[in-house]
Amino acid sequence: MNAWANSSSRTGTLTPSYHQPQRAISVNDNDNDNYIFSAKIGTSSSVEKVELVIRYKSWRDFHSIAMQPDGKGNYSTKPPNDAMWQEPGPLEYAIAVTQAAGTTTFPGGVEGHPKDWNFVAEDGYWKMDLQPTGVPIDLFDAKLDENNLIYPKDGRTQQNYTNGQFGKGSALSLGLYDLEPNKINALSKVTLTKNNALHYRDTKGYNTLLIKIRATNQAEQLNIGVLDEHGLAYTHTLTIGTKWQYMMLPLSDLRSGITIFGQAYPMFLPSTLEASNNKAWQGKAKLSQYRGCNFTLIVLPTLKTT
């Protein structure tokens, strides 16, 4: 989620300002200074100060933290790391820009400061979860990541959204119009969102993917490819049953495999790239270099194809 906001007409000096929120960080990320709040402020007149105004959701009072300039219109600060900010929970925050004419608060470019008694956040506040240390890191959420699906080049995929287990939540349903035995049946490709960037997270010790999945009509063999920082897939094949299940995939089981490409021009470009070696993910890359997944369905002659 990119957050662009125009200033109010009262100040009249701020051009669109940019801040990229994140869905979550952990208490450990906060302790280790992995995460920095940053914003770009464009203005034709001087800025007196820029503040991060933050609180736990449901708290009455905001806390203000000065953001430091770099002289190029960029301002940044680290999250609060004293004892008061070590409890996991949802945070909400804004960025307040003060000039001679007054204060403008983002998101929304609203006149005034969140600490003012009569301030109204017309566009709400940015939100981020402060999670416990060691909590699993969500890499894909069917509800939040629907705009990050890449349809395979020359694909025959059906992509639908349905209810999750017990009718709760959302699930991504993938299928094929026709299946070709012993061929690459590309299903989909999923990338990380900008508001779920792993370079802000402490991923040391994270070595296993946990996937909640089921096949619809019969057991299937699914090739899951984890994309590295170059967009190349390291894959492993799982046998998927017809009941919802959590499947664990150690990163050490991944080997360089088939990479799916999206639609591209010119059209003669390939739809997939097969690895020329058998490199392992472990030792080559960390989870912080994860950039997404691609999925292919393996149809064996002994399995039904309709």
Protein backbone atom coordinates (compact mmCIF):
# COMPACT_ATOMS: atom_id res chain seq x y z
CA MET A 1 0.00 0.00 0.00
CA ASN A 2 1.57 3.21 -1.14
CA ALA A 3 0.46 6.27 0.76
CA TRP A 4 0.40 9.50 -1.17
CA ALA A 5 -1.23 12.53 0.42
CA ASN A 6 -1.72 16.15 -0.65
CA SER A 7 -1.46 19.03 1.76
CA SER A 8 -4.31 21.28 2.76
CA SER A 9 -4.93 24.55 0.95
CA ARG A 10 -4.20 26.46 4.16
CA THR A 11 -0.47 25.77 4.14
CA GLY A 12 -0.29 25.61 0.37
CA THR A 13 3.42 24.76 0.35
CA LEU A 14 3.58 20.97 0.60
CA THR A 15 3.71 18.94 -2.59
CA PRO A 16 2.60 15.27 -2.50
CA SER A 17 4.40 13.46 0.31
CA TYR A 18 5.34 9.80 0.38
CA HIS A 19 5.50 7.20 3.12
CA GLN A 20 5.46 3.41 2.73
CA PRO A 21 3.73 1.71 5.68
CA GLN A 22 4.50 -1.87 6.67
CA ARG A 23 2.02 -4.45 7.89
CA ALA A 24 4.09 -5.63 10.82
CA ILE A 25 7.42 -5.68 12.61
CA SER A 26 8.39 -7.68 15.68
CA VAL A 27 9.57 -6.48 19.06
CA ASN A 28 12.95 -7.94 18.09
CA ASP A 29 13.05 -5.86 14.89
CA ASN A 30 12.45 -2.83 17.06
CA ASP A 31 15.21 -3.77 19.53
CA ASN A 32 17.73 -4.38 16.73
CA ASP A 33 16.90 -1.16 14.86
CA ASN A 34 15.87 -3.09 11.75
CA TYR A 35 12.95 -0.82 11.08
CA ILE A 36 13.02 2.93 10.44
CA PHE A 37 10.00 5.16 9.86
CA SER A 38 10.77 7.35 6.85
CA ALA A 39 8.93 9.89 4.72
CA LYS A 40 9.68 12.22 1.83
CA ILE A 41 8.32 15.75 2.19
CA GLY A 42 8.31 18.15 -0.76
CA THR A 43 7.95 21.84 0.03
CA SER A 44 8.83 25.27 -1.37
CA SER A 45 9.27 26.83 2.06
CA SER A 46 11.14 25.86 5.19
CA VAL A 47 10.01 23.06 7.48
CA GLU A 48 10.28 23.72 11.19
CA LYS A 49 9.90 20.11 12.24
CA VAL A 50 8.57 16.71 11.19
CA GLU A 51 7.22 14.35 13.85
CA LEU A 52 6.22 10.72 14.05
CA VAL A 53 3.04 10.74 16.13
CA ILE A 54 2.35 7.22 17.40
CA ARG A 55 0.30 5.24 19.90
CA TYR A 56 -1.05 1.78 20.56
CA LYS A 57 -4.51 1.42 19.08
CA SER A 58 -7.18 2.37 21.64
CA TRP A 59 -4.77 4.56 23.61
CA ARG A 60 -6.07 8.04 24.14
CA ASP A 61 -2.80 9.95 23.85
CA PHE A 62 -0.26 10.06 21.05
CA HIS A 63 3.50 10.28 21.60
CA SER A 64 5.58 12.53 19.37
CA ILE A 65 9.07 11.60 18.14
CA ALA A 66 11.18 14.03 16.11
CA MET A 67 12.12 12.82 12.62
CA GLN A 68 15.61 13.74 11.45
CA PRO A 69 16.20 15.38 8.04
CA ASP A 70 18.88 14.36 5.56
CA GLY A 71 18.85 17.70 3.72
CA LYS A 72 17.17 16.21 0.64
CA GLY A 73 13.56 16.24 1.79
CA ASN A 74 13.77 12.87 3.52
CA TYR A 75 12.98 12.47 7.21
CA SER A 76 13.39 9.38 9.37
CA THR A 77 13.33 8.07 12.92
CA LYS A 78 13.52 4.74 14.69
CA PRO A 79 10.51 3.35 16.53
CA PRO A 80 10.40 3.94 20.26
CA ASN A 81 12.41 1.19 21.98
CA ASP A 82 11.94 1.91 25.67
CA ALA A 83 9.98 -0.42 27.94
CA MET A 84 6.66 1.23 27.16
CA TRP A 85 6.90 0.08 23.54
CA GLN A 86 7.94 -3.54 24.09
CA GLU A 87 4.44 -4.97 24.39
CA PRO A 88 3.09 -6.58 21.20
CA GLY A 89 -0.04 -4.98 19.83
CA PRO A 90 -1.49 -2.91 16.98
CA LEU A 91 0.05 0.52 16.47
CA GLU A 92 -1.40 3.51 14.69
CA TYR A 93 0.55 6.57 13.68
CA ALA A 94 0.71 9.71 11.58
CA ILE A 95 3.41 12.09 10.33
CA ALA A 96 2.97 15.76 11.29
CA VAL A 97 4.78 18.47 9.30
CA THR A 98 5.04 21.89 10.96
CA GLN A 99 5.79 25.09 9.01
CA ALA A 100 5.30 28.76 9.77
CA ALA A 101 1.73 28.59 8.47
CA GLY A 102 0.80 25.72 10.74
CA THR A 103 0.87 21.91 10.94
CA THR A 104 -0.28 19.43 8.31
CA THR A 105 -0.78 15.77 9.23
CA PHE A 106 -0.54 12.76 6.94
CA PRO A 107 -2.21 10.57 5.81
CA GLY A 108 -4.71 12.89 4.20
CA GLY A 109 -2.91 16.22 4.44
CA VAL A 110 -5.20 17.30 7.29
CA GLU A 111 -4.80 20.67 8.98
CA GLY A 112 -3.67 20.43 12.58
CA HIS A 113 -1.80 18.01 14.83
CA PRO A 114 -3.13 14.70 16.24
CA LYS A 115 -2.51 16.06 19.74
CA ASP A 116 -4.86 18.98 19.14
CA TRP A 117 -8.12 18.59 21.04
CA ASN A 118 -10.21 19.25 17.93
CA PHE A 119 -8.14 17.24 15.42
CA VAL A 120 -10.09 14.92 13.10
CA ALA A 121 -8.17 12.31 11.09
CA GLU A 122 -10.33 12.31 7.98
CA ASP A 123 -8.37 9.47 6.34
CA GLY A 124 -7.63 7.64 9.59
CA TYR A 125 -4.09 6.69 10.61
CA TRP A 126 -1.49 4.31 9.25
CA LYS A 127 -1.56 0.98 11.07
CA MET A 128 1.12 -1.59 11.84
CA ASP A 129 1.25 -4.64 14.11
CA LEU A 130 4.06 -4.87 16.64
CA GLN A 131 4.39 -8.64 16.96
CA PRO A 132 6.08 -10.90 19.55
CA THR A 133 9.65 -12.01 18.89
CA GLY A 134 9.78 -15.24 16.87
CA VAL A 135 6.22 -15.02 15.58
CA PRO A 136 5.71 -16.61 12.13
CA ILE A 137 6.10 -14.08 9.30
CA ASP A 138 3.16 -14.02 6.88
CA LEU A 139 4.40 -14.26 3.30
CA PHE A 140 1.01 -14.56 1.59
CA ASP A 141 -2.49 -13.63 2.71
CA ALA A 142 -5.28 -14.40 0.24
CA LYS A 143 -7.27 -11.37 1.36
CA LEU A 144 -4.44 -8.83 1.43
CA ASP A 145 -2.31 -10.01 -1.50
CA GLU A 146 -4.87 -10.35 -4.29
CA ASN A 147 -3.14 -7.64 -6.32
CA ASN A 148 0.18 -9.50 -6.27
CA LEU A 149 -0.80 -12.51 -8.34
CA ILE A 150 1.00 -12.78 -11.67
CA TYR A 151 -0.79 -14.75 -14.38
CA PRO A 152 1.58 -17.17 -16.15
CA LYS A 153 2.62 -16.50 -19.71
CA ASP A 154 0.55 -18.69 -22.05
CA GLY A 155 -1.30 -19.80 -18.93
CA ARG A 156 -4.48 -21.86 -18.69
CA THR A 157 -5.13 -20.99 -15.08
CA GLN A 158 -8.42 -20.40 -13.29
CA GLN A 159 -7.94 -18.08 -10.31
CA ASN A 160 -10.82 -17.68 -7.88
CA TYR A 161 -11.32 -16.60 -4.31
CA THR A 162 -13.35 -18.69 -1.92
CA ASN A 163 -13.93 -19.09 1.79
CA GLY A 164 -11.26 -20.70 3.89
CA GLN A 165 -11.59 -23.66 6.23
CA PHE A 166 -14.93 -23.74 8.11
CA GLY A 167 -16.07 -20.85 5.93
CA LYS A 168 -13.74 -18.41 7.65
CA GLY A 169 -11.30 -16.04 6.00
CA SER A 170 -10.33 -16.08 2.33
CA ALA A 171 -8.56 -18.72 0.27
CA LEU A 172 -7.07 -18.60 -3.20
CA SER A 173 -8.36 -21.35 -5.48
CA LEU A 174 -6.17 -22.30 -8.45
CA GLY A 175 -7.08 -24.66 -11.28
CA LEU A 176 -6.37 -25.38 -14.93
CA TYR A 177 -8.66 -25.46 -17.93
CA ASP A 178 -6.83 -28.53 -19.22
CA LEU A 179 -3.99 -30.62 -17.83
CA GLU A 180 -1.06 -32.02 -19.77
CA PRO A 181 0.65 -35.09 -18.26
CA ASN A 182 4.39 -34.75 -17.72
CA LYS A 183 4.27 -31.09 -18.81
CA ILE A 184 4.79 -27.86 -16.91
CA ASN A 185 1.29 -26.83 -15.88
CA ALA A 186 1.88 -23.35 -14.55
CA LEU A 187 -0.71 -22.20 -12.00
CA SER A 188 0.34 -18.84 -10.64
CA LYS A 189 3.10 -16.64 -9.31
CA VAL A 190 2.89 -14.61 -6.11
CA THR A 191 5.16 -11.71 -5.18
CA LEU A 192 5.70 -9.82 -1.94
CA THR A 193 3.88 -6.55 -1.44
CA LYS A 194 5.74 -3.31 -0.71
CA ASN A 195 4.02 -3.14 2.67
CA ASN A 196 5.35 -6.57 3.61
CA ALA A 197 9.07 -6.11 2.94
CA LEU A 198 11.38 -8.64 4.59
CA HIS A 199 14.45 -6.42 4.71
CA TYR A 200 12.86 -4.75 7.74
CA ARG A 201 12.53 -8.07 9.56
CA ASP A 202 15.03 -10.07 11.58
CA THR A 203 14.78 -13.40 9.74
CA LYS A 204 17.63 -15.16 11.53
CA GLY A 205 16.51 -18.67 12.50
CA TYR A 206 13.55 -18.74 10.11
CA ASN A 207 14.16 -21.90 8.07
CA THR A 208 10.78 -23.47 7.27
CA LEU A 209 7.74 -22.51 5.21
CA LEU A 210 4.32 -23.42 6.63
CA ILE A 211 1.61 -23.76 3.99
CA LYS A 212 -2.11 -24.27 4.59
CA ILE A 213 -3.48 -26.05 1.55
CA ARG A 214 -5.81 -28.70 0.17
CA ALA A 215 -6.66 -30.26 -3.19
CA THR A 216 -10.26 -29.99 -4.34
CA ASN A 217 -11.21 -33.31 -5.94
CA GLN A 218 -8.28 -35.68 -5.64
CA ALA A 219 -4.71 -35.86 -4.37
CA GLU A 220 -2.37 -33.74 -6.46
CA GLN A 221 1.35 -33.20 -6.79
CA LEU A 222 2.20 -29.52 -6.50
CA ASN A 223 5.59 -28.07 -7.30
CA ILE A 224 6.22 -25.05 -5.08
CA GLY A 225 8.98 -22.69 -6.12
CA VAL A 226 10.42 -20.09 -3.74
CA LEU A 227 11.77 -17.05 -5.61
CA ASP A 228 15.12 -15.59 -4.58
CA GLU A 229 16.33 -12.01 -4.91
CA HIS A 230 16.96 -12.58 -8.65
CA GLY A 231 13.45 -13.96 -9.22
CA LEU A 232 14.71 -17.52 -9.77
CA ALA A 233 12.76 -20.41 -8.26
CA TYR A 234 14.04 -23.04 -5.84
CA THR A 235 11.47 -25.81 -5.81
CA HIS A 236 10.13 -28.85 -4.01
CA THR A 237 7.21 -31.13 -4.86
CA LEU A 238 4.53 -31.86 -2.27
CA THR A 239 1.67 -34.36 -2.44
CA ILE A 240 -1.50 -32.50 -1.48
CA GLY A 241 -4.51 -34.32 0.00
CA THR A 242 -8.16 -33.28 -0.19
CA LYS A 243 -8.45 -32.13 3.44
CA TRP A 244 -7.13 -28.85 4.77
CA GLN A 245 -3.69 -29.39 6.21
CA TYR A 246 -0.61 -27.49 7.29
CA MET A 247 2.45 -28.66 5.38
CA MET A 248 5.98 -27.80 6.44
CA LEU A 249 8.62 -27.19 3.80
CA PRO A 250 12.16 -26.76 5.14
CA LEU A 251 14.19 -24.31 3.07
CA SER A 252 16.96 -26.91 3.06
CA ASP A 253 14.75 -29.14 0.86
CA LEU A 254 14.61 -26.56 -1.93
CA ARG A 255 16.60 -27.04 -5.12
CA SER A 256 16.90 -24.81 -8.18
CA GLY A 257 13.98 -25.64 -10.46
CA ILE A 258 11.34 -24.23 -12.79
CA THR A 259 10.75 -20.48 -12.80
CA ILE A 260 7.42 -19.22 -14.16
CA PHE A 261 7.35 -16.02 -16.23
CA GLY A 262 4.41 -13.65 -16.55
CA GLN A 263 3.02 -12.22 -19.75
CA ALA A 264 5.72 -10.24 -21.54
CA TYR A 265 6.56 -8.58 -24.81
CA PRO A 266 7.83 -9.57 -27.27
CA MET A 267 5.57 -12.61 -27.20
CA PHE A 268 8.26 -15.05 -28.33
CA LEU A 269 9.91 -14.92 -24.91
CA PRO A 270 9.69 -18.23 -23.00
CA SER A 271 6.96 -18.94 -20.48
CA THR A 272 9.26 -20.80 -18.08
CA LEU A 273 12.95 -21.21 -17.30
CA GLU A 274 14.33 -24.56 -16.20
CA ALA A 275 17.42 -24.59 -14.00
CA SER A 276 20.66 -25.90 -15.49
CA ASN A 277 22.01 -27.03 -12.12
CA ASN A 278 20.85 -28.47 -8.81
CA LYS A 279 21.80 -25.77 -6.34
CA ALA A 280 20.33 -25.71 -2.87
CA TRP A 281 18.65 -22.69 -1.32
CA GLN A 282 20.34 -23.25 2.03
CA GLY A 283 23.77 -21.65 2.10
CA LYS A 284 23.00 -19.51 -0.93
CA ALA A 285 20.27 -17.28 0.38
CA LYS A 286 18.45 -16.31 3.54
CA LEU A 287 14.72 -15.97 4.04
CA SER A 288 15.26 -12.20 3.84
CA GLN A 289 15.96 -12.76 0.12
CA TYR A 290 12.55 -14.35 -0.42
CA ARG A 291 10.68 -12.51 -3.17
CA GLY A 292 7.64 -14.74 -3.73
CA CYS A 293 6.49 -18.17 -4.90
CA ASN A 294 5.42 -19.86 -8.10
CA PHE A 295 3.22 -22.93 -8.35
CA THR A 296 3.07 -25.65 -11.00
CA LEU A 297 0.86 -28.73 -11.05
CA ILE A 298 2.48 -32.05 -11.94
CA VAL A 299 0.13 -34.46 -13.69
CA LEU A 300 1.32 -38.05 -13.92
CA PRO A 301 -0.13 -40.52 -16.45
CA THR A 302 -1.50 -42.61 -13.57
CA LEU A 303 -3.59 -39.71 -12.27
CA LYS A 304 -6.90 -38.60 -13.73
CA THR A 305 -6.72 -35.34 -15.65
CA THR A 306 -10.41 -34.44 -15.60
